Amino acid sequence: MCETYREAPARHAADGTRTVSVDEMTGLQALARNAPDKPPRPDQVAQQEFEHTRHGTTTLIGTLDIVAGDMLAETIGPTRTEADFVRHID
């Protein structure tokens, strides 16, 4: 896989071959912070509230153009079935 990624720019320049990567992340927690961040004070960084509200889980399927570094397509939904994946690829 690493070799394919390393060769992608040369292949694209030589004959226009487009190398893409498709990956999925299932069971991502959808979280919302209960309070806004506290602004930074002199000699300190901004502080984040540690308490959050959970809004269930979601699934992300993403397709990345390796040469350009651009996200070509993303699908976000409550589940990932075979049909969801096929729709994403289409």
PDB file of N, CA and C in Angstrom:
ATOM      1  N   MET A   1       0.817  -1.176   0.000  1.00  0.00           N
ATOM      2  CA  MET A   1       0.000   0.000   0.000  1.00  0.00           C
ATOM      3  C   MET A   1       0.875   1.260   0.000  1.00  0.00           C
ATOM      4  N   CYS A   2       1.912   1.288   0.821  1.00  0.00           N
ATOM      5  CA  CYS A   2       2.794   2.459   0.879  1.00  0.00           C
ATOM      6  C   CYS A   2       3.460   2.699  -0.473  1.00  0.00           C
ATOM      7  N   GLU A   3       3.871   1.624  -1.122  1.00  0.00           N
ATOM      8  CA  GLU A   3       4.485   1.759  -2.448  1.00  0.00           C
ATOM      9  C   GLU A   3       3.497   2.351  -3.449  1.00  0.00           C
ATOM     10  N   THR A   4       2.251   1.923  -3.400  1.00  0.00           N
ATOM     11  CA  THR A   4       1.215   2.468  -4.294  1.00  0.00           C
ATOM     12  C   THR A   4       1.057   3.964  -4.077  1.00  0.00           C
ATOM     13  N   TYR A   5       1.024   4.390  -2.807  1.00  0.00           N
ATOM     14  CA  TYR A   5       0.894   5.813  -2.502  1.00  0.00           C
ATOM     15  C   TYR A   5       2.119   6.591  -2.966  1.00  0.00           C
ATOM     16  N   ARG A   6       3.313   6.023  -2.774  1.00  0.00           N
ATOM     17  CA  ARG A   6       4.541   6.709  -3.211  1.00  0.00           C
ATOM     18  C   ARG A   6       4.590   6.864  -4.728  1.00  0.00           C
ATOM     19  N   GLU A   7       4.092   5.864  -5.445  1.00  0.00           N
ATOM     20  CA  GLU A   7       4.134   5.893  -6.908  1.00  0.00           C
ATOM     21  C   GLU A   7       2.994   6.715  -7.522  1.00  0.00           C
ATOM     22  N   ALA A   8       1.990   7.068  -6.745  1.00  0.00           N
ATOM     23  CA  ALA A   8       0.794   7.740  -7.268  1.00  0.00           C
ATOM     24  C   ALA A   8       1.100   9.032  -8.022  1.00  0.00           C
ATOM     25  N   PRO A   9       1.933   9.947  -7.503  1.00  0.00           N
ATOM     26  CA  PRO A   9       2.191  11.186  -8.253  1.00  0.00           C
ATOM     27  C   PRO A   9       2.844  10.932  -9.614  1.00  0.00           C
ATOM     28  N   ALA A  10       3.791  10.005  -9.684  1.00  0.00           N
ATOM     29  CA  ALA A  10       4.456   9.710 -10.956  1.00  0.00           C
ATOM     30  C   ALA A  10       3.484   9.078 -11.952  1.00  0.00           C
ATOM     31  N   ARG A  11       2.649   8.174 -11.485  1.00  0.00           N
ATOM     32  CA  ARG A  11       1.657   7.549 -12.373  1.00  0.00           C
ATOM     33  C   ARG A  11       0.647   8.569 -12.892  1.00  0.00           C
ATOM     34  N   HIS A  12       0.248   9.489 -12.013  1.00  0.00           N
ATOM     35  CA  HIS A  12      -0.697  10.524 -12.425  1.00  0.00           C
ATOM     36  C   HIS A  12      -0.066  11.426 -13.488  1.00  0.00           C
ATOM     37  N   ALA A  13       1.190  11.788 -13.286  1.00  0.00           N
ATOM     38  CA  ALA A  13       1.884  12.643 -14.258  1.00  0.00           C
ATOM     39  C   ALA A  13       2.117  11.920 -15.579  1.00  0.00           C
ATOM     40  N   ALA A  14       2.414  10.623 -15.522  1.00  0.00           N
ATOM     41  CA  ALA A  14       2.745   9.869 -16.729  1.00  0.00           C
ATOM     42  C   ALA A  14       1.522   9.555 -17.590  1.00  0.00           C
ATOM     43  N   ASP A  15       0.465   9.048 -16.962  1.00  0.00           N
ATOM     44  CA  ASP A  15      -0.668   8.606 -17.786  1.00  0.00           C
ATOM     45  C   ASP A  15      -2.038   8.985 -17.220  1.00  0.00           C
ATOM     46  N   GLY A  16      -2.062   9.841 -16.188  1.00  0.00           N
ATOM     47  CA  GLY A  16      -3.333  10.305 -15.650  1.00  0.00           C
ATOM     48  C   GLY A  16      -4.015   9.347 -14.698  1.00  0.00           C
ATOM     49  N   THR A  17      -3.307   8.288 -14.271  1.00  0.00           N
ATOM     50  CA  THR A  17      -3.895   7.334 -13.333  1.00  0.00           C
ATOM     51  C   THR A  17      -4.237   8.045 -12.035  1.00  0.00           C
ATOM     52  N   ARG A  18      -5.456   7.837 -11.577  1.00  0.00           N
ATOM     53  CA  ARG A  18      -5.907   8.478 -10.341  1.00  0.00           C
ATOM     54  C   ARG A  18      -5.957   7.431  -9.239  1.00  0.00           C
ATOM     55  N   THR A  19      -5.217   7.665  -8.169  1.00  0.00           N
ATOM     56  CA  THR A  19      -5.179   6.759  -7.030  1.00  0.00           C
ATOM     57  C   THR A  19      -6.054   7.335  -5.927  1.00  0.00           C
ATOM     58  N   VAL A  20      -7.024   6.534  -5.473  1.00  0.00           N
ATOM     59  CA  VAL A  20      -7.909   6.965  -4.395  1.00  0.00           C
ATOM     60  C   VAL A  20      -7.884   5.933  -3.274  1.00  0.00           C
ATOM     61  N   SER A  21      -8.192   6.397  -2.087  1.00  0.00           N
ATOM     62  CA  SER A  21      -8.263   5.534  -0.919  1.00  0.00           C
ATOM     63  C   SER A  21      -9.648   5.667  -0.309  1.00  0.00           C
ATOM     64  N   VAL A  22     -10.269   4.541  -0.010  1.00  0.00           N
ATOM     65  CA  VAL A  22     -11.588   4.530   0.634  1.00  0.00           C
ATOM     66  C   VAL A  22     -11.415   3.908   2.012  1.00  0.00           C
ATOM     67  N   ASP A  23     -11.927   4.587   3.010  1.00  0.00           N
ATOM     68  CA  ASP A  23     -11.818   4.083   4.379  1.00  0.00           C
ATOM     69  C   ASP A  23     -13.133   4.358   5.103  1.00  0.00           C
ATOM     70  N   GLU A  24     -13.370   3.601   6.146  1.00  0.00           N
ATOM     71  CA  GLU A  24     -14.589   3.795   6.923  1.00  0.00           C
ATOM     72  C   GLU A  24     -14.251   3.798   8.405  1.00  0.00           C
ATOM     73  N   MET A  25     -15.015   4.564   9.140  1.00  0.00           N
ATOM     74  CA  MET A  25     -14.917   4.574  10.598  1.00  0.00           C
ATOM     75  C   MET A  25     -16.337   4.358  11.114  1.00  0.00           C
ATOM     76  N   THR A  26     -16.527   3.261  11.813  1.00  0.00           N
ATOM     77  CA  THR A  26     -17.854   2.956  12.345  1.00  0.00           C
ATOM     78  C   THR A  26     -17.865   3.233  13.843  1.00  0.00           C
ATOM     79  N   GLY A  27     -19.019   3.478  14.371  1.00  0.00           N
ATOM     80  CA  GLY A  27     -19.156   3.665  15.813  1.00  0.00           C
ATOM     81  C   GLY A  27     -18.542   4.947  16.340  1.00  0.00           C
ATOM     82  N   LEU A  28     -18.459   5.986  15.504  1.00  0.00           N
ATOM     83  CA  LEU A  28     -17.939   7.271  15.981  1.00  0.00           C
ATOM     84  C   LEU A  28     -18.945   7.878  16.948  1.00  0.00           C
ATOM     85  N   GLN A  29     -18.470   8.349  18.080  1.00  0.00           N
ATOM     86  CA  GLN A  29     -19.363   8.970  19.041  1.00  0.00           C
ATOM     87  C   GLN A  29     -19.661  10.401  18.625  1.00  0.00           C
ATOM     88  N   ALA A  30     -20.933  10.738  18.574  1.00  0.00           N
ATOM     89  CA  ALA A  30     -21.359  12.107  18.287  1.00  0.00           C
ATOM     90  C   ALA A  30     -21.484  12.829  19.626  1.00  0.00           C
ATOM     91  N   LEU A  31     -20.546  13.731  19.904  1.00  0.00           N
ATOM     92  CA  LEU A  31     -20.490  14.409  21.192  1.00  0.00           C
ATOM     93  C   LEU A  31     -20.676  15.910  21.028  1.00  0.00           C
ATOM     94  N   ALA A  32     -21.235  16.527  22.043  1.00  0.00           N
ATOM     95  CA  ALA A  32     -21.352  17.989  22.090  1.00  0.00           C
ATOM     96  C   ALA A  32     -20.884  18.436  23.468  1.00  0.00           C
ATOM     97  N   ARG A  33     -20.022  19.425  23.492  1.00  0.00           N
ATOM     98  CA  ARG A  33     -19.547  19.943  24.778  1.00  0.00           C
ATOM     99  C   ARG A  33     -20.670  20.699  25.478  1.00  0.00           C
ATOM    100  N   ASN A  34     -20.719  20.594  26.797  1.00  0.00           N
ATOM    101  CA  ASN A  34     -21.771  21.240  27.574  1.00  0.00           C
ATOM    102  C   ASN A  34     -21.529  22.734  27.780  1.00  0.00           C
ATOM    103  N   ALA A  35     -20.310  23.193  27.606  1.00  0.00           N
ATOM    104  CA  ALA A  35     -19.990  24.607  27.815  1.00  0.00           C
ATOM    105  C   ALA A  35     -18.957  25.028  26.768  1.00  0.00           C
ATOM    106  N   PRO A  36     -18.925  26.309  26.411  1.00  0.00           N
ATOM    107  CA  PRO A  36     -17.933  26.775  25.438  1.00  0.00           C
ATOM    108  C   PRO A  36     -16.521  26.730  26.030  1.00  0.00           C
ATOM    109  N   ASP A  37     -15.527  26.762  25.148  1.00  0.00           N
ATOM    110  CA  ASP A  37     -14.134  26.802  25.594  1.00  0.00           C
ATOM    111  C   ASP A  37     -13.877  28.074  26.387  1.00  0.00           C
ATOM    112  N   LYS A  38     -12.970  27.981  27.343  1.00  0.00           N
ATOM    113  CA  LYS A  38     -12.552  29.172  28.085  1.00  0.00           C
ATOM    114  C   LYS A  38     -11.422  29.826  27.300  1.00  0.00           C
ATOM    115  N   PRO A  39     -11.482  31.137  27.083  1.00  0.00           N
ATOM    116  CA  PRO A  39     -10.451  31.788  26.272  1.00  0.00           C
ATOM    117  C   PRO A  39      -9.089  31.723  26.960  1.00  0.00           C
ATOM    118  N   PRO A  40      -8.020  31.795  26.172  1.00  0.00           N
ATOM    119  CA  PRO A  40      -6.678  31.741  26.782  1.00  0.00           C
ATOM    120  C   PRO A  40      -6.405  32.995  27.625  1.00  0.00           C
ATOM    121  N   ARG A  41      -5.647  32.791  28.673  1.00  0.00           N
ATOM    122  CA  ARG A  41      -5.182  33.896  29.496  1.00  0.00           C
ATOM    123  C   ARG A  41      -3.690  34.047  29.256  1.00  0.00           C
ATOM    124  N   PRO A  42      -3.093  35.130  29.675  1.00  0.00           N
ATOM    125  CA  PRO A  42      -1.647  35.299  29.453  1.00  0.00           C
ATOM    126  C   PRO A  42      -0.868  34.081  29.952  1.00  0.00           C
ATOM    127  N   ASP A  43       0.009  33.591  29.118  1.00  0.00           N
ATOM    128  CA  ASP A  43       0.875  32.439  29.418  1.00  0.00           C
ATOM    129  C   ASP A  43       0.111  31.124  29.582  1.00  0.00           C
ATOM    130  N   GLN A  44      -1.111  31.043  29.053  1.00  0.00           N
ATOM    131  CA  GLN A  44      -1.875  29.798  29.095  1.00  0.00           C
ATOM    132  C   GLN A  44      -2.577  29.579  27.764  1.00  0.00           C
ATOM    133  N   VAL A  45      -2.943  28.330  27.508  1.00  0.00           N
ATOM    134  CA  VAL A  45      -3.707  28.010  26.302  1.00  0.00           C
ATOM    135  C   VAL A  45      -5.189  27.991  26.648  1.00  0.00           C
ATOM    136  N   ALA A  46      -6.038  27.995  25.626  1.00  0.00           N
ATOM    137  CA  ALA A  46      -7.481  27.904  25.855  1.00  0.00           C
ATOM    138  C   ALA A  46      -7.793  26.579  26.544  1.00  0.00           C
ATOM    139  N   GLN A  47      -8.794  26.574  27.392  1.00  0.00           N
ATOM    140  CA  GLN A  47      -9.167  25.366  28.125  1.00  0.00           C
ATOM    141  C   GLN A  47     -10.534  24.896  27.643  1.00  0.00           C
ATOM    142  N   GLN A  48     -10.662  23.564  27.506  1.00  0.00           N
ATOM    143  CA  GLN A  48     -11.924  22.976  27.055  1.00  0.00           C
ATOM    144  C   GLN A  48     -12.655  22.344  28.227  1.00  0.00           C
ATOM    145  N   GLU A  49     -13.955  22.482  28.199  1.00  0.00           N
ATOM    146  CA  GLU A  49     -14.805  21.833  29.190  1.00  0.00           C
ATOM    147  C   GLU A  49     -14.720  20.320  28.970  1.00  0.00           C
ATOM    148  N   PHE A  50     -14.609  19.556  30.021  1.00  0.00           N
ATOM    149  CA  PHE A  50     -14.471  18.104  29.861  1.00  0.00           C
ATOM    150  C   PHE A  50     -15.811  17.385  29.803  1.00  0.00           C
ATOM    151  N   GLU A  51     -16.882  18.010  30.273  1.00  0.00           N
ATOM    152  CA  GLU A  51     -18.181  17.351  30.253  1.00  0.00           C
ATOM    153  C   GLU A  51     -18.833  17.510  28.885  1.00  0.00           C
ATOM    154  N   HIS A  52     -19.481  16.451  28.443  1.00  0.00           N
ATOM    155  CA  HIS A  52     -20.130  16.482  27.143  1.00  0.00           C
ATOM    156  C   HIS A  52     -21.428  15.675  27.186  1.00  0.00           C
ATOM    157  N   THR A  53     -22.259  15.912  26.186  1.00  0.00           N
ATOM    158  CA  THR A  53     -23.499  15.165  26.022  1.00  0.00           C
ATOM    159  C   THR A  53     -23.322  14.245  24.824  1.00  0.00           C
ATOM    160  N   ARG A  54     -23.689  12.999  24.996  1.00  0.00           N
ATOM    161  CA  ARG A  54     -23.548  12.009  23.928  1.00  0.00           C
ATOM    162  C   ARG A  54     -24.828  11.971  23.108  1.00  0.00           C
ATOM    163  N   HIS A  55     -24.658  12.007  21.791  1.00  0.00           N
ATOM    164  CA  HIS A  55     -25.797  11.991  20.874  1.00  0.00           C
ATOM    165  C   HIS A  55     -25.791  10.727  20.010  1.00  0.00           C
ATOM    166  N   GLY A  56     -25.379   9.598  20.590  1.00  0.00           N
ATOM    167  CA  GLY A  56     -25.357   8.339  19.857  1.00  0.00           C
ATOM    168  C   GLY A  56     -24.079   8.167  19.054  1.00  0.00           C
ATOM    169  N   THR A  57     -24.145   7.295  18.067  1.00  0.00           N
ATOM    170  CA  THR A  57     -22.979   7.025  17.219  1.00  0.00           C
ATOM    171  C   THR A  57     -23.336   7.266  15.757  1.00  0.00           C
ATOM    172  N   THR A  58     -22.303   7.416  14.955  1.00  0.00           N
ATOM    173  CA  THR A  58     -22.483   7.616  13.520  1.00  0.00           C
ATOM    174  C   THR A  58     -21.374   6.872  12.792  1.00  0.00           C
ATOM    175  N   THR A  59     -21.491   6.772  11.482  1.00  0.00           N
ATOM    176  CA  THR A  59     -20.519   6.087  10.649  1.00  0.00           C
ATOM    177  C   THR A  59     -20.051   7.025   9.551  1.00  0.00           C
ATOM    178  N   LEU A  60     -18.752   7.005   9.267  1.00  0.00           N
ATOM    179  CA  LEU A  60     -18.167   7.838   8.219  1.00  0.00           C
ATOM    180  C   LEU A  60     -17.475   6.948   7.204  1.00  0.00           C
ATOM    181  N   ILE A  61     -17.780   7.159   5.925  1.00  0.00           N
ATOM    182  CA  ILE A  61     -17.056   6.523   4.819  1.00  0.00           C
ATOM    183  C   ILE A  61     -16.462   7.673   4.010  1.00  0.00           C
ATOM    184  N   GLY A  62     -15.162   7.628   3.774  1.00  0.00           N
ATOM    185  CA  GLY A  62     -14.513   8.712   3.044  1.00  0.00           C
ATOM    186  C   GLY A  62     -13.656   8.200   1.905  1.00  0.00           C
ATOM    187  N   THR A  63     -13.578   8.987   0.824  1.00  0.00           N
ATOM    188  CA  THR A  63     -12.736   8.674  -0.327  1.00  0.00           C
ATOM    189  C   THR A  63     -11.779   9.835  -0.537  1.00  0.00           C
ATOM    190  N   LEU A  64     -10.480   9.537  -0.512  1.00  0.00           N
ATOM    191  CA  LEU A  64      -9.428  10.541  -0.601  1.00  0.00           C
ATOM    192  C   LEU A  64      -8.634  10.388  -1.883  1.00  0.00           C
ATOM    193  N   ASP A  65      -8.439  11.497  -2.606  1.00  0.00           N
ATOM    194  CA  ASP A  65      -7.545  11.531  -3.768  1.00  0.00           C
ATOM    195  C   ASP A  65      -6.129  11.637  -3.226  1.00  0.00           C
ATOM    196  N   ILE A  66      -5.322  10.609  -3.439  1.00  0.00           N
ATOM    197  CA  ILE A  66      -3.989  10.536  -2.841  1.00  0.00           C
ATOM    198  C   ILE A  66      -3.068  11.628  -3.367  1.00  0.00           C
ATOM    199  N   VAL A  67      -3.089  11.916  -4.641  1.00  0.00           N
ATOM    200  CA  VAL A  67      -2.181  12.911  -5.227  1.00  0.00           C
ATOM    201  C   VAL A  67      -2.560  14.326  -4.812  1.00  0.00           C
ATOM    202  N   ALA A  68      -3.820  14.676  -4.954  1.00  0.00           N
ATOM    203  CA  ALA A  68      -4.267  16.041  -4.641  1.00  0.00           C
ATOM    204  C   ALA A  68      -4.470  16.253  -3.146  1.00  0.00           C
ATOM    205  N   GLY A  69      -4.724  15.177  -2.400  1.00  0.00           N
ATOM    206  CA  GLY A  69      -4.988  15.299  -0.978  1.00  0.00           C
ATOM    207  C   GLY A  69      -6.386  15.812  -0.683  1.00  0.00           C
ATOM    208  N   ASP A  70      -7.285  15.709  -1.665  1.00  0.00           N
ATOM    209  CA  ASP A  70      -8.653  16.204  -1.504  1.00  0.00           C
ATOM    210  C   ASP A  70      -9.606  15.070  -1.151  1.00  0.00           C
ATOM    211  N   MET A  71     -10.603  15.383  -0.326  1.00  0.00           N
ATOM    212  CA  MET A  71     -11.665  14.433  -0.039  1.00  0.00           C
ATOM    213  C   MET A  71     -12.632  14.480  -1.217  1.00  0.00           C
ATOM    214  N   LEU A  72     -12.780  13.353  -1.912  1.00  0.00           N
ATOM    215  CA  LEU A  72     -13.643  13.298  -3.089  1.00  0.00           C
ATOM    216  C   LEU A  72     -15.099  13.083  -2.715  1.00  0.00           C
ATOM    217  N   ALA A  73     -15.333  12.263  -1.724  1.00  0.00           N
ATOM    218  CA  ALA A  73     -16.707  11.954  -1.314  1.00  0.00           C
ATOM    219  C   ALA A  73     -16.697  11.533   0.139  1.00  0.00           C
ATOM    220  N   GLU A  74     -17.773  11.870   0.823  1.00  0.00           N
ATOM    221  CA  GLU A  74     -17.936  11.400   2.192  1.00  0.00           C
ATOM    222  C   GLU A  74     -19.401  11.038   2.407  1.00  0.00           C
ATOM    223  N   THR A  75     -19.596   9.981   3.149  1.00  0.00           N
ATOM    224  CA  THR A  75     -20.937   9.538   3.478  1.00  0.00           C
ATOM    225  C   THR A  75     -21.007   9.411   4.987  1.00  0.00           C
ATOM    226  N   ILE A  76     -21.960  10.093   5.592  1.00  0.00           N
ATOM    227  CA  ILE A  76     -22.145  10.028   7.032  1.00  0.00           C
ATOM    228  C   ILE A  76     -23.555   9.530   7.289  1.00  0.00           C
ATOM    229  N   GLY A  77     -23.662   8.510   8.121  1.00  0.00           N
ATOM    230  CA  GLY A  77     -24.978   7.952   8.408  1.00  0.00           C
ATOM    231  C   GLY A  77     -24.972   7.182   9.712  1.00  0.00           C
ATOM    232  N   PRO A  78     -26.136   6.730  10.129  1.00  0.00           N
ATOM    233  CA  PRO A  78     -26.227   6.029  11.412  1.00  0.00           C
ATOM    234  C   PRO A  78     -25.587   4.641  11.389  1.00  0.00           C
ATOM    235  N   THR A  79     -25.572   3.995  10.240  1.00  0.00           N
ATOM    236  CA  THR A  79     -25.007   2.650  10.127  1.00  0.00           C
ATOM    237  C   THR A  79     -24.223   2.544   8.824  1.00  0.00           C
ATOM    238  N   ARG A  80     -23.532   1.423   8.666  1.00  0.00           N
ATOM    239  CA  ARG A  80     -22.842   1.171   7.399  1.00  0.00           C
ATOM    240  C   ARG A  80     -23.186  -0.245   6.993  1.00  0.00           C
ATOM    241  N   THR A  81     -24.013  -0.351   5.980  1.00  0.00           N
ATOM    242  CA  THR A  81     -24.355  -1.657   5.434  1.00  0.00           C
ATOM    243  C   THR A  81     -23.629  -1.818   4.100  1.00  0.00           C
ATOM    244  N   GLU A  82     -23.710  -3.011   3.549  1.00  0.00           N
ATOM    245  CA  GLU A  82     -23.110  -3.246   2.237  1.00  0.00           C
ATOM    246  C   GLU A  82     -23.729  -2.314   1.195  1.00  0.00           C
ATOM    247  N   ALA A  83     -25.041  -2.113   1.273  1.00  0.00           N
ATOM    248  CA  ALA A  83     -25.717  -1.211   0.328  1.00  0.00           C
ATOM    249  C   ALA A  83     -25.224   0.225   0.476  1.00  0.00           C
ATOM    250  N   ASP A  84     -24.973   0.679   1.724  1.00  0.00           N
ATOM    251  CA  ASP A  84     -24.432   2.030   1.944  1.00  0.00           C
ATOM    252  C   ASP A  84     -23.074   2.173   1.278  1.00  0.00           C
ATOM    253  N   PHE A  85     -22.233   1.153   1.428  1.00  0.00           N
ATOM    254  CA  PHE A  85     -20.896   1.204   0.858  1.00  0.00           C
ATOM    255  C   PHE A  85     -20.956   1.219  -0.673  1.00  0.00           C
ATOM    256  N   VAL A  86     -21.831   0.402  -1.253  1.00  0.00           N
ATOM    257  CA  VAL A  86     -21.977   0.370  -2.710  1.00  0.00           C
ATOM    258  C   VAL A  86     -22.453   1.718  -3.228  1.00  0.00           C
ATOM    259  N   ARG A  87     -23.426   2.332  -2.535  1.00  0.00           N
ATOM    260  CA  ARG A  87     -23.906   3.663  -2.912  1.00  0.00           C
ATOM    261  C   ARG A  87     -22.767   4.688  -2.864  1.00  0.00           C
ATOM    262  N   HIS A  88     -21.935   4.594  -1.847  1.00  0.00           N
ATOM    263  CA  HIS A  88     -20.801   5.519  -1.716  1.00  0.00           C
ATOM    264  C   HIS A  88     -19.841   5.358  -2.896  1.00  0.00           C
ATOM    265  N   ILE A  89     -19.508   4.139  -3.244  1.00  0.00           N
ATOM    266  CA  ILE A  89     -18.590   3.884  -4.356  1.00  0.00           C
ATOM    267  C   ILE A  89     -19.189   4.347  -5.674  1.00  0.00           C
ATOM    268  N   ASP A  90     -20.480   4.135  -5.865  1.00  0.00           N
ATOM    269  CA  ASP A  90     -21.140   4.591  -7.092  1.00  0.00           C
ATOM    270  C   ASP A  90     -21.030   6.080  -7.216  1.00  0.00           C
TER     271      ASP A  90
END
